[in-house]
Amino acid sequence: MLLNVLKRLFGLAPKPNFAELVIQGAVILDVRTPQEFKSGHIAKSKNIAVQDLGNKLGKLPKNKVIITCCASGMRSAAAKSMLKSNGFQAYNGGAWTRLQSKI
């Protein structure tokens, strides 16, 4: 267990295969504002702004992996932490444009 913690701390943990997760039914959650989302987003992604996420957790399926994304990766990291602390299996996909190229 300590080895896994150290691997994560130093970025040595295996990276998730986002394309495979999407094939398996993962939900892509874009946590930018609705205005940002309207200017461009990944097809079929859901949009819940990070500041509204705490009140809208019930709109997300607990039985599916959730991949968060935003403009740079900062808000999606916060969203991933919130989701994990509420029992969701979540990954930070980072910037939506980079995530889109990985799936």
N, C-alpha and C. Protein backbone atom coordinates (compact mmCIF):
# COMPACT_ATOMS: atom_id res chain seq x y z
N MET A 1 0.83 -1.19 0.00
CA MET A 1 0.00 0.00 0.00
C MET A 1 0.88 1.26 0.00
N LEU A 2 1.90 1.28 0.83
CA LEU A 2 2.80 2.42 0.87
C LEU A 2 3.46 2.63 -0.48
N LEU A 3 3.79 1.55 -1.15
CA LEU A 3 4.41 1.66 -2.48
C LEU A 3 3.47 2.34 -3.46
N ASN A 4 2.18 1.99 -3.42
CA ASN A 4 1.19 2.62 -4.31
C ASN A 4 1.06 4.12 -4.02
N VAL A 5 1.09 4.49 -2.75
CA VAL A 5 1.01 5.90 -2.37
C VAL A 5 2.22 6.64 -2.91
N LEU A 6 3.40 6.06 -2.74
CA LEU A 6 4.63 6.69 -3.24
C LEU A 6 4.61 6.82 -4.76
N LYS A 7 4.12 5.80 -5.44
CA LYS A 7 4.03 5.86 -6.91
C LYS A 7 3.12 7.01 -7.35
N ARG A 8 2.00 7.16 -6.67
CA ARG A 8 1.08 8.25 -7.02
C ARG A 8 1.72 9.61 -6.74
N LEU A 9 2.40 9.72 -5.60
CA LEU A 9 3.03 10.99 -5.23
C LEU A 9 4.07 11.43 -6.26
N PHE A 10 4.80 10.47 -6.79
CA PHE A 10 5.87 10.80 -7.73
C PHE A 10 5.47 10.61 -9.19
N GLY A 11 4.16 10.43 -9.43
CA GLY A 11 3.66 10.33 -10.80
C GLY A 11 4.05 9.05 -11.51
N LEU A 12 4.33 8.00 -10.77
CA LEU A 12 4.75 6.75 -11.37
C LEU A 12 3.62 5.73 -11.50
N ALA A 13 2.46 6.07 -10.98
CA ALA A 13 1.31 5.17 -11.09
C ALA A 13 0.89 5.08 -12.55
N PRO A 14 0.39 3.91 -12.97
CA PRO A 14 -0.03 3.79 -14.37
C PRO A 14 -1.12 4.79 -14.71
N LYS A 15 -1.01 5.38 -15.89
CA LYS A 15 -2.01 6.35 -16.35
C LYS A 15 -3.25 5.60 -16.84
N PRO A 16 -4.42 6.14 -16.55
CA PRO A 16 -5.64 5.48 -17.03
C PRO A 16 -5.72 5.56 -18.56
N ASN A 17 -6.27 4.53 -19.16
CA ASN A 17 -6.51 4.52 -20.61
C ASN A 17 -7.90 5.11 -20.81
N PHE A 18 -7.96 6.41 -21.10
CA PHE A 18 -9.24 7.09 -21.20
C PHE A 18 -10.09 6.54 -22.34
N ALA A 19 -9.49 6.17 -23.45
CA ALA A 19 -10.24 5.62 -24.58
C ALA A 19 -10.94 4.32 -24.15
N GLU A 20 -10.23 3.48 -23.44
CA GLU A 20 -10.81 2.22 -22.98
C GLU A 20 -11.92 2.47 -21.96
N LEU A 21 -11.70 3.42 -21.06
CA LEU A 21 -12.74 3.74 -20.07
C LEU A 21 -14.02 4.22 -20.76
N VAL A 22 -13.88 5.04 -21.80
CA VAL A 22 -15.06 5.54 -22.53
C VAL A 22 -15.76 4.38 -23.24
N ILE A 23 -15.00 3.48 -23.85
CA ILE A 23 -15.59 2.31 -24.51
C ILE A 23 -16.39 1.49 -23.49
N GLN A 24 -15.89 1.42 -22.26
CA GLN A 24 -16.56 0.66 -21.21
C GLN A 24 -17.73 1.42 -20.57
N GLY A 25 -18.01 2.64 -21.05
CA GLY A 25 -19.19 3.37 -20.58
C GLY A 25 -18.93 4.50 -19.61
N ALA A 26 -17.69 4.93 -19.48
CA ALA A 26 -17.39 6.05 -18.57
C ALA A 26 -18.13 7.31 -19.01
N VAL A 27 -18.48 8.13 -18.03
CA VAL A 27 -19.14 9.40 -18.27
C VAL A 27 -18.07 10.49 -18.28
N ILE A 28 -18.09 11.33 -19.29
CA ILE A 28 -17.18 12.48 -19.33
C ILE A 28 -17.93 13.67 -18.75
N LEU A 29 -17.38 14.22 -17.69
CA LEU A 29 -18.00 15.34 -16.98
C LEU A 29 -17.15 16.58 -17.17
N ASP A 30 -17.68 17.54 -17.90
CA ASP A 30 -17.01 18.81 -18.14
C ASP A 30 -17.46 19.77 -17.05
N VAL A 31 -16.52 20.25 -16.24
CA VAL A 31 -16.88 21.06 -15.08
C VAL A 31 -16.65 22.55 -15.30
N ARG A 32 -16.56 22.96 -16.56
CA ARG A 32 -16.47 24.39 -16.87
C ARG A 32 -17.87 25.02 -16.76
N THR A 33 -17.92 26.32 -16.87
CA THR A 33 -19.21 27.02 -16.83
C THR A 33 -20.02 26.66 -18.08
N PRO A 34 -21.33 26.83 -18.03
CA PRO A 34 -22.15 26.57 -19.23
C PRO A 34 -21.70 27.39 -20.44
N GLN A 35 -21.27 28.63 -20.20
CA GLN A 35 -20.82 29.47 -21.31
C GLN A 35 -19.56 28.88 -21.96
N GLU A 36 -18.61 28.43 -21.14
CA GLU A 36 -17.40 27.81 -21.68
C GLU A 36 -17.75 26.53 -22.45
N PHE A 37 -18.65 25.75 -21.88
CA PHE A 37 -19.08 24.49 -22.48
C PHE A 37 -19.68 24.74 -23.87
N LYS A 38 -20.51 25.79 -23.98
CA LYS A 38 -21.14 26.12 -25.26
C LYS A 38 -20.13 26.48 -26.34
N SER A 39 -18.98 26.99 -25.93
CA SER A 39 -17.97 27.40 -26.92
C SER A 39 -17.20 26.21 -27.49
N GLY A 40 -17.41 25.02 -26.95
CA GLY A 40 -16.77 23.81 -27.45
C GLY A 40 -16.68 22.78 -26.35
N HIS A 41 -16.91 21.52 -26.69
CA HIS A 41 -16.86 20.44 -25.70
C HIS A 41 -16.76 19.08 -26.40
N ILE A 42 -16.50 18.06 -25.63
CA ILE A 42 -16.45 16.69 -26.14
C ILE A 42 -17.88 16.21 -26.35
N ALA A 43 -18.13 15.62 -27.51
CA ALA A 43 -19.46 15.10 -27.82
C ALA A 43 -19.92 14.14 -26.72
N LYS A 44 -21.17 14.25 -26.35
CA LYS A 44 -21.84 13.41 -25.35
C LYS A 44 -21.35 13.64 -23.92
N SER A 45 -20.53 14.66 -23.69
CA SER A 45 -20.10 14.94 -22.32
C SER A 45 -21.22 15.66 -21.58
N LYS A 46 -21.23 15.49 -20.25
CA LYS A 46 -22.18 16.19 -19.39
C LYS A 46 -21.51 17.45 -18.89
N ASN A 47 -22.31 18.47 -18.64
CA ASN A 47 -21.76 19.72 -18.13
C ASN A 47 -22.38 20.06 -16.79
N ILE A 48 -21.56 20.05 -15.75
CA ILE A 48 -21.95 20.55 -14.44
C ILE A 48 -20.77 21.37 -13.96
N ALA A 49 -20.97 22.66 -13.81
CA ALA A 49 -19.88 23.53 -13.35
C ALA A 49 -19.38 23.07 -11.99
N VAL A 50 -18.08 23.15 -11.78
CA VAL A 50 -17.49 22.65 -10.54
C VAL A 50 -18.13 23.30 -9.31
N GLN A 51 -18.50 24.57 -9.40
CA GLN A 51 -19.11 25.23 -8.24
C GLN A 51 -20.51 24.71 -7.93
N ASP A 52 -21.15 24.02 -8.89
CA ASP A 52 -22.48 23.45 -8.68
C ASP A 52 -22.45 21.95 -8.39
N LEU A 53 -21.29 21.34 -8.53
CA LEU A 53 -21.18 19.89 -8.47
C LEU A 53 -21.69 19.31 -7.15
N GLY A 54 -21.34 19.93 -6.04
CA GLY A 54 -21.77 19.40 -4.74
C GLY A 54 -23.27 19.25 -4.63
N ASN A 55 -24.02 20.14 -5.26
CA ASN A 55 -25.49 20.08 -5.20
C ASN A 55 -26.09 19.18 -6.27
N LYS A 56 -25.28 18.70 -7.21
CA LYS A 56 -25.81 17.93 -8.33
C LYS A 56 -25.21 16.54 -8.43
N LEU A 57 -24.64 16.04 -7.35
CA LEU A 57 -24.04 14.70 -7.38
C LEU A 57 -25.07 13.63 -7.71
N GLY A 58 -26.32 13.86 -7.33
CA GLY A 58 -27.38 12.89 -7.60
C GLY A 58 -27.68 12.72 -9.08
N LYS A 59 -27.21 13.62 -9.93
CA LYS A 59 -27.43 13.52 -11.37
C LYS A 59 -26.39 12.62 -12.05
N LEU A 60 -25.43 12.14 -11.27
CA LEU A 60 -24.37 11.31 -11.84
C LEU A 60 -24.52 9.86 -11.38
N PRO A 61 -24.24 8.92 -12.28
CA PRO A 61 -24.36 7.50 -11.92
C PRO A 61 -23.18 7.04 -11.07
N LYS A 62 -23.47 6.41 -9.94
CA LYS A 62 -22.40 5.91 -9.07
C LYS A 62 -21.81 4.62 -9.60
N ASN A 63 -22.51 3.97 -10.53
CA ASN A 63 -22.05 2.69 -11.03
C ASN A 63 -21.19 2.80 -12.29
N LYS A 64 -20.83 4.03 -12.67
CA LYS A 64 -19.99 4.24 -13.84
C LYS A 64 -18.77 5.08 -13.46
N VAL A 65 -17.69 4.86 -14.19
CA VAL A 65 -16.50 5.68 -14.02
C VAL A 65 -16.80 7.08 -14.55
N ILE A 66 -16.30 8.09 -13.87
CA ILE A 66 -16.47 9.47 -14.32
C ILE A 66 -15.09 10.05 -14.61
N ILE A 67 -14.96 10.64 -15.79
CA ILE A 67 -13.74 11.31 -16.20
C ILE A 67 -14.04 12.81 -16.21
N THR A 68 -13.36 13.56 -15.37
CA THR A 68 -13.59 15.00 -15.31
C THR A 68 -12.66 15.73 -16.28
N CYS A 69 -13.14 16.86 -16.79
CA CYS A 69 -12.30 17.71 -17.64
C CYS A 69 -12.75 19.16 -17.48
N CYS A 70 -11.87 20.07 -17.89
CA CYS A 70 -12.16 21.51 -17.83
C CYS A 70 -11.27 22.20 -18.85
N ALA A 71 -10.88 23.42 -18.60
CA ALA A 71 -10.03 24.15 -19.55
C ALA A 71 -8.56 23.79 -19.39
N SER A 72 -8.10 23.65 -18.15
CA SER A 72 -6.66 23.42 -17.93
C SER A 72 -6.34 22.18 -17.11
N GLY A 73 -7.29 21.70 -16.34
CA GLY A 73 -7.06 20.56 -15.47
C GLY A 73 -7.17 20.88 -13.99
N MET A 74 -7.23 22.15 -13.65
CA MET A 74 -7.31 22.55 -12.24
C MET A 74 -8.70 22.27 -11.65
N ARG A 75 -9.73 22.77 -12.33
CA ARG A 75 -11.10 22.54 -11.83
C ARG A 75 -11.46 21.07 -11.89
N SER A 76 -11.00 20.38 -12.93
CA SER A 76 -11.31 18.96 -13.05
C SER A 76 -10.63 18.16 -11.94
N ALA A 77 -9.46 18.59 -11.48
CA ALA A 77 -8.79 17.92 -10.36
C ALA A 77 -9.62 18.09 -9.08
N ALA A 78 -10.13 19.30 -8.87
CA ALA A 78 -10.97 19.55 -7.70
C ALA A 78 -12.25 18.72 -7.78
N ALA A 79 -12.84 18.64 -8.96
CA ALA A 79 -14.06 17.86 -9.15
C ALA A 79 -13.80 16.38 -8.91
N LYS A 80 -12.68 15.87 -9.41
CA LYS A 80 -12.33 14.46 -9.18
C LYS A 80 -12.22 14.17 -7.70
N SER A 81 -11.57 15.05 -6.95
CA SER A 81 -11.44 14.86 -5.50
C SER A 81 -12.80 14.84 -4.81
N MET A 82 -13.67 15.76 -5.21
CA MET A 82 -15.01 15.81 -4.63
C MET A 82 -15.78 14.52 -4.94
N LEU A 83 -15.69 14.07 -6.18
CA LEU A 83 -16.39 12.85 -6.56
C LEU A 83 -15.87 11.65 -5.78
N LYS A 84 -14.55 11.52 -5.70
CA LYS A 84 -13.97 10.38 -4.98
C LYS A 84 -14.38 10.41 -3.51
N SER A 85 -14.40 11.58 -2.90
CA SER A 85 -14.78 11.66 -1.48
C SER A 85 -16.26 11.36 -1.26
N ASN A 86 -17.03 11.34 -2.35
CA ASN A 86 -18.45 10.99 -2.26
C ASN A 86 -18.76 9.60 -2.83
N GLY A 87 -17.72 8.78 -2.98
CA GLY A 87 -17.92 7.38 -3.36
C GLY A 87 -17.95 7.08 -4.84
N PHE A 88 -17.58 8.03 -5.69
CA PHE A 88 -17.54 7.79 -7.13
C PHE A 88 -16.15 7.31 -7.52
N GLN A 89 -16.09 6.53 -8.60
CA GLN A 89 -14.80 6.19 -9.19
C GLN A 89 -14.54 7.25 -10.25
N ALA A 90 -13.53 8.07 -10.04
CA ALA A 90 -13.31 9.22 -10.92
C ALA A 90 -11.84 9.39 -11.26
N TYR A 91 -11.61 9.93 -12.46
CA TYR A 91 -10.27 10.25 -12.95
C TYR A 91 -10.27 11.68 -13.48
N ASN A 92 -9.15 12.34 -13.34
CA ASN A 92 -9.00 13.69 -13.89
C ASN A 92 -8.47 13.55 -15.31
N GLY A 93 -9.30 13.94 -16.28
CA GLY A 93 -8.88 13.91 -17.68
C GLY A 93 -8.13 15.16 -18.10
N GLY A 94 -8.09 16.17 -17.23
CA GLY A 94 -7.37 17.41 -17.55
C GLY A 94 -8.14 18.30 -18.50
N ALA A 95 -7.39 18.98 -19.35
CA ALA A 95 -8.01 19.89 -20.32
C ALA A 95 -8.86 19.11 -21.31
N TRP A 96 -10.04 19.62 -21.60
CA TRP A 96 -10.96 18.89 -22.48
C TRP A 96 -10.39 18.68 -23.86
N THR A 97 -9.61 19.62 -24.37
CA THR A 97 -9.05 19.48 -25.72
C THR A 97 -8.03 18.34 -25.75
N ARG A 98 -7.24 18.21 -24.69
CA ARG A 98 -6.26 17.11 -24.65
C ARG A 98 -6.96 15.79 -24.43
N LEU A 99 -7.97 15.79 -23.58
CA LEU A 99 -8.72 14.56 -23.35
C LEU A 99 -9.38 14.08 -24.63
N GLN A 100 -9.94 15.01 -25.39
CA GLN A 100 -10.60 14.66 -26.64
C GLN A 100 -9.64 13.93 -27.59
N SER A 101 -8.38 14.32 -27.60
CA SER A 101 -7.41 13.67 -28.48
C SER A 101 -7.00 12.29 -27.98
N LYS A 102 -7.34 11.96 -26.72
CA LYS A 102 -6.97 10.66 -26.14
C LYS A 102 -8.09 9.64 -26.24
N ILE A 103 -9.28 10.09 -26.65
CA ILE A 103 -10.41 9.14 -26.67
C ILE A 103 -10.90 8.83 -28.07
